[in-house]
Amino acid sequence: MKESHGCIYLLTNLINGKRYVGQHKNVLTVARRWKRHVTVAITTNDERPLYRAIRKAWKRDRRSLDGFRAEVIWSGAADVKRLNAKETYYVKKLHSFIDDPKGDRSYNLTKGGGQPVRSKQSKEKLTAAMAKRWARSTERAILLQAYENPVLHKKLSVAQTRRYEDSSERKAQSLRLRRHYAEPKNRKKQSVRSKSGWAKIPPEDRSAIRKRAWARKTPEERTAIANRIWKTRRANARKRKAK
């Protein structure tokens, strides 16, 4: 791995003492990283604890952040692996993980090192915040409008088709999905989501959805689907016989 002069930085709320530990690959631009945190907090409705605290301080200090302190607590030559290890070490040392029993409900949602280790309560809060943000987003409004407008729907469909005409894009997407679903827990989560989502649809609507989807298929696509189903059934039959 290529080494760079990275650093671990600490953000401290001077009002309540809560902390946030983060890492940056260039110690010379850590001030820019802090400004990025401020920009995200002020210009979006991100509900993560750090950003909520920054917005509160911004209003309290009359459009300034005198109630926060940003500082570098470690710097040196480090690859990604070492930076992750250092971040994990300081999160643990300063008890800045939000569910640390020795801490004060600080702002780190993970234990550092790029590990997505969140508590159940943190996951539920983040999911609810993201759902609330998505409900108000312009992207959602555009998609809803597209599905109600056949012309716009077709334009989006054509744009997506053109995107995947590039074989490199298809291969990259396929590789990402294979890696993701190679883990049993991811396959199980997707299965549960699909079943729960399908169960919410009334039986008469399910039939209509299937018919519309099948009507959009070309004869060649229908033949390919039938062949895949037939091959799968034959393979399953051979497996049963082998047992």
Foldseek 3Di string as FASTA:
>chain_A
DDKAWKFKKKKAQQVPGFIDIDIDRHPVCVVVVVVVLLCCLPVALQPQPVSVVSVVCCVVVVNDNPRMDMDTPDIGIDDLQVRQVVRLVVCVVQVNDQPRPPDDRHGRQDSGSPDNDHDPVSVVVNVVSVVVRCVPDVVVVLVVVLVVDVVSVVVVVVVVVVVVVPVVVVVVVVVVVCVQVVDVVSVVVVVVVVVVVVVVDDPVVVVVVVVVVVVPDDPVRVVVVVVVVVVVVVVVVVVVVVD
